Structure formats: structure tokens, C-alpha cells
Amino acid sequence: MFSKKNPGSRDGFDTLVGASTAFEGNIISEGSVRVEGRVKGDLKTSKDVFIGDEAVVEGSIQANNVHLSGRVEGNIHSNGLLRILSTAKLYGDIRIKSFVVDEGALFQGNCSMIDTTEESEKNAVKSSAKKSGRECKKITVLEQVYEEKEREKEKERDKDKDKDKDIKA
């Protein structure tokens, strides 16, 4: 049952906080973490976190995927999927790429979605500017159209002012 051969599956995890265990402090792991007991502190891993039905976490969670069945009082940052199952109670803000909430689950907090395409575009623009040694500004098509309309309005205002001057003279 506690095999390490497949860390992505529910049976293959590196860190287990058992149902009769209360842990106080931060957990930092390179592998998957499963909590069935009580944790008072932050959980941080580059893999997945599983919070069992009777588990209670008082702290923030940062992981690739988070599967929540128990209670969390803290923020969650997931670079992958946040799955809030029907027995879960989440009191805190989430920053996630995608999530699923089952009927009956409780979520009280704010949600911020990670836009991976926007982040990768920003990083590409920044790295391009660094390589060329000059500042670079990303302008969308809508911004270009808006700026062009503003320039046209200014030209019209200038023409109207010139006409007014000619009339007064």
C-alpha cells in the first residue's frame, strides 16, 4: 500500500501524516504528501497533496495538484488542478490553474486563476528585452487602435483650433 514506485497515484506518496498524528511546523517535500491527521503549518511540494476526509490543515498549501476532502484553513496555490471534493471545507484564497468543486463542498475565499499563456508571453518579452539590452513594451492590438483613435481626435481638435484662429483674424 505504501509503495514509492508510482508517486503520482494515491498509493504512492512520500510523506504521510497519519490519522492519529498531529504535526506542528512546515512540511517541505520534493514528493507527494498525504495528510490524514492534523497539520498546523504550511505544506510545500513540487508534486501533489492529498488531504483526507478527517484531516485538518491550518496553513497554506503550495503544490502541483491538490486533492481536498478534509478541512483547510489557509491559502492554496496550485500550478495544476485543485479538486475540492464533496466532504471538503476550504477557508482561504486560492490561486490555481484549474479546479473542480464537487456538490456539497464548502469554499469561502477568493479565487485567482493562473493564465499560463499570459505568464509565458510576459516571460518571453522580458527575456527578449534583456537579451537585446533595451526596454520592450508589449502593446495589444486594441491598445494600438485606441492610441491611433486618440491621435486622430487630437488632429481634429488642432484643425478646429486653426479654423477658430482664421475666423477671429
Protein backbone atom coordinates (compact mmCIF):
# COMPACT_ATOMS: atom_id res chain seq x y z
CA MET A 1 0.00 0.00 0.00
CA PHE A 2 2.84 2.45 0.77
CA SER A 3 4.71 1.86 -2.48
CA LYS A 4 7.06 4.56 -3.77
CA LYS A 5 7.07 3.15 -7.28
CA ASN A 6 4.35 5.46 -8.57
CA PRO A 7 4.38 8.75 -6.63
CA GLY A 8 1.54 10.24 -8.72
CA SER A 9 -1.03 7.68 -7.59
CA ARG A 10 -2.92 7.79 -4.30
CA ASP A 11 -1.00 4.74 -3.06
CA GLY A 12 2.43 6.18 -3.90
CA PHE A 13 3.29 9.18 -1.73
CA ASP A 14 6.47 10.19 0.03
CA THR A 15 5.11 11.88 3.16
CA LEU A 16 2.19 10.68 5.28
CA VAL A 17 0.69 12.39 8.30
CA GLY A 18 -1.45 9.60 9.75
CA ALA A 19 -4.97 9.89 11.12
CA SER A 20 -3.82 9.76 14.76
CA THR A 21 -0.98 12.26 14.21
CA ALA A 22 -0.87 15.99 14.97
CA PHE A 23 2.08 17.80 13.40
CA GLU A 24 3.11 21.38 14.07
CA GLY A 25 5.55 23.01 11.65
CA ASN A 26 6.11 23.44 7.93
CA ILE A 27 6.42 20.48 5.57
CA ILE A 28 8.64 20.92 2.52
CA SER A 29 8.89 17.93 0.21
CA GLU A 30 10.00 17.03 -3.30
CA GLY A 31 7.45 14.20 -3.37
CA SER A 32 3.72 13.77 -2.87
CA VAL A 33 2.22 14.48 0.57
CA ARG A 34 -0.85 12.85 2.11
CA VAL A 35 -2.48 14.22 5.27
CA GLU A 36 -5.00 12.12 7.20
CA GLY A 37 -4.36 13.77 10.59
CA ARG A 38 -3.82 17.34 11.74
CA VAL A 39 -1.15 19.78 10.46
CA LYS A 40 -0.57 23.25 11.86
CA GLY A 41 1.84 24.82 9.38
CA ASP A 42 2.45 25.22 5.66
CA LEU A 43 2.76 22.41 3.10
CA LYS A 44 5.01 22.96 0.10
CA THR A 45 5.84 20.41 -2.58
CA SER A 46 6.53 20.29 -6.29
CA LYS A 47 4.27 17.21 -6.53
CA ASP A 48 0.73 16.52 -5.30
CA VAL A 49 -1.03 16.98 -1.95
CA PHE A 50 -3.90 14.79 -0.74
CA ILE A 51 -5.97 15.96 2.25
CA GLY A 52 -8.13 13.13 3.66
CA ASP A 53 -11.77 13.29 4.84
CA GLU A 54 -10.97 13.73 8.54
CA ALA A 55 -7.77 15.78 8.04
CA VAL A 56 -7.36 19.38 9.21
CA VAL A 57 -4.68 21.72 7.85
CA GLU A 58 -4.17 25.14 9.43
CA GLY A 59 -1.76 26.74 6.99
CA SER A 60 -1.08 27.41 3.34
CA ILE A 61 -0.60 24.73 0.69
CA GLN A 62 1.59 25.10 -2.39
CA ALA A 63 1.69 22.13 -4.77
CA ASN A 64 1.26 20.98 -8.34
CA ASN A 65 -2.14 19.32 -7.76
CA VAL A 66 -4.24 19.43 -4.58
CA HIS A 67 -7.00 16.92 -3.78
CA LEU A 68 -9.02 18.17 -0.83
CA SER A 69 -11.51 16.06 1.14
CA GLY A 70 -10.96 17.45 4.63
CA ARG A 71 -10.69 20.92 6.15
CA VAL A 72 -8.15 23.61 5.22
CA GLU A 73 -7.86 27.00 6.89
CA GLY A 74 -5.33 28.75 4.69
CA ASN A 75 -4.50 29.69 1.14
CA ILE A 76 -3.85 27.22 -1.67
CA HIS A 77 -1.58 27.79 -4.68
CA SER A 78 -1.79 25.03 -7.28
CA ASN A 79 0.08 25.06 -10.59
CA GLY A 80 -2.18 22.25 -11.81
CA LEU A 81 -5.57 21.07 -10.57
CA LEU A 82 -7.33 21.85 -7.31
CA ARG A 83 -10.02 19.24 -6.65
CA ILE A 84 -12.43 20.13 -3.84
CA LEU A 85 -14.42 17.00 -3.02
CA SER A 86 -17.92 16.98 -1.51
CA THR A 87 -16.71 16.49 2.08
CA ALA A 88 -14.18 19.36 1.91
CA LYS A 89 -14.25 22.69 3.71
CA LEU A 90 -11.85 25.37 2.45
CA TYR A 91 -11.49 28.71 4.23
CA GLY A 92 -8.93 30.75 2.33
CA ASP A 93 -7.93 32.20 -1.00
CA ILE A 94 -6.87 30.07 -3.95
CA ARG A 95 -4.53 30.77 -6.85
CA ILE A 96 -4.89 27.94 -9.33
CA LYS A 97 -4.58 26.94 -12.96
CA SER A 98 -7.80 24.88 -12.92
CA PHE A 99 -10.21 23.47 -10.36
CA VAL A 100 -13.21 21.27 -9.82
CA VAL A 101 -15.65 21.64 -6.95
CA ASP A 102 -17.98 18.77 -6.13
CA GLU A 103 -21.53 19.45 -5.00
CA GLY A 104 -21.70 19.78 -1.23
CA ALA A 105 -18.19 21.19 -0.80
CA LEU A 106 -17.67 24.46 1.07
CA PHE A 107 -15.34 27.18 -0.23
CA GLN A 108 -15.11 30.59 1.41
CA GLY A 109 -12.47 32.84 -0.08
CA ASN A 110 -11.24 34.47 -3.26
CA CYS A 111 -10.19 32.72 -6.43
CA SER A 112 -7.43 33.85 -8.77
CA MET A 113 -6.83 31.89 -11.96
CA ILE A 114 -3.31 31.46 -13.32
CA ASP A 115 -3.17 32.29 -17.03
CA THR A 116 -0.19 30.26 -18.21
CA THR A 117 -0.24 31.70 -21.74
CA GLU A 118 -0.13 35.27 -20.42
CA GLU A 119 2.69 34.45 -17.97
CA SER A 120 4.76 32.71 -20.66
CA GLU A 121 4.27 35.68 -23.03
CA LYS A 122 5.41 38.11 -20.31
CA ASN A 123 8.48 35.97 -19.63
CA ALA A 124 9.29 35.79 -23.35
CA VAL A 125 9.02 39.58 -23.71
CA LYS A 126 11.20 40.14 -20.62
CA SER A 127 13.88 37.69 -21.76
CA SER A 128 13.87 39.21 -25.26
CA ALA A 129 14.33 42.70 -23.80
CA LYS A 130 17.18 41.51 -21.57
CA LYS A 131 18.96 39.85 -24.50
CA SER A 132 18.72 42.95 -26.68
CA GLY A 133 19.71 45.26 -23.82
CA ARG A 134 16.78 47.63 -24.36
CA GLU A 135 13.37 48.17 -22.87
CA CYS A 136 10.45 46.49 -24.59
CA LYS A 137 6.76 47.32 -24.24
CA LYS A 138 4.09 44.81 -25.17
CA ILE A 139 1.16 46.50 -26.89
CA THR A 140 -2.02 44.70 -27.79
CA VAL A 141 -3.93 45.34 -30.99
CA LEU A 142 -6.70 47.08 -29.04
CA GLU A 143 -4.20 49.43 -27.42
CA GLN A 144 -2.78 50.28 -30.84
CA VAL A 145 -6.25 51.03 -32.22
CA TYR A 146 -7.09 53.16 -29.17
CA GLU A 147 -3.86 55.15 -29.48
CA GLU A 148 -4.50 55.71 -33.20
CA LYS A 149 -8.04 56.98 -32.49
CA GLU A 150 -6.65 59.38 -29.87
CA ARG A 151 -4.12 60.77 -32.36
CA GLU A 152 -6.92 61.31 -34.90
CA LYS A 153 -9.02 63.15 -32.31
CA GLU A 154 -6.06 65.40 -31.46
CA LYS A 155 -5.57 66.23 -35.14
CA GLU A 156 -9.27 67.14 -35.44
CA ARG A 157 -9.00 69.37 -32.36
CA ASP A 158 -5.92 71.08 -33.82
CA LYS A 159 -7.77 71.68 -37.12
CA ASP A 160 -10.74 73.16 -35.23
CA LYS A 161 -8.42 75.47 -33.30
CA ASP A 162 -6.79 76.62 -36.57
CA LYS A 163 -10.23 77.32 -38.07
CA ASP A 164 -11.21 79.35 -34.98
CA LYS A 165 -7.99 81.40 -35.30
CA ASP A 166 -8.69 82.08 -39.00
CA ILE A 167 -12.25 83.17 -38.24
CA LYS A 168 -11.13 85.57 -35.46
CA ALA A 169 -8.38 87.04 -37.64
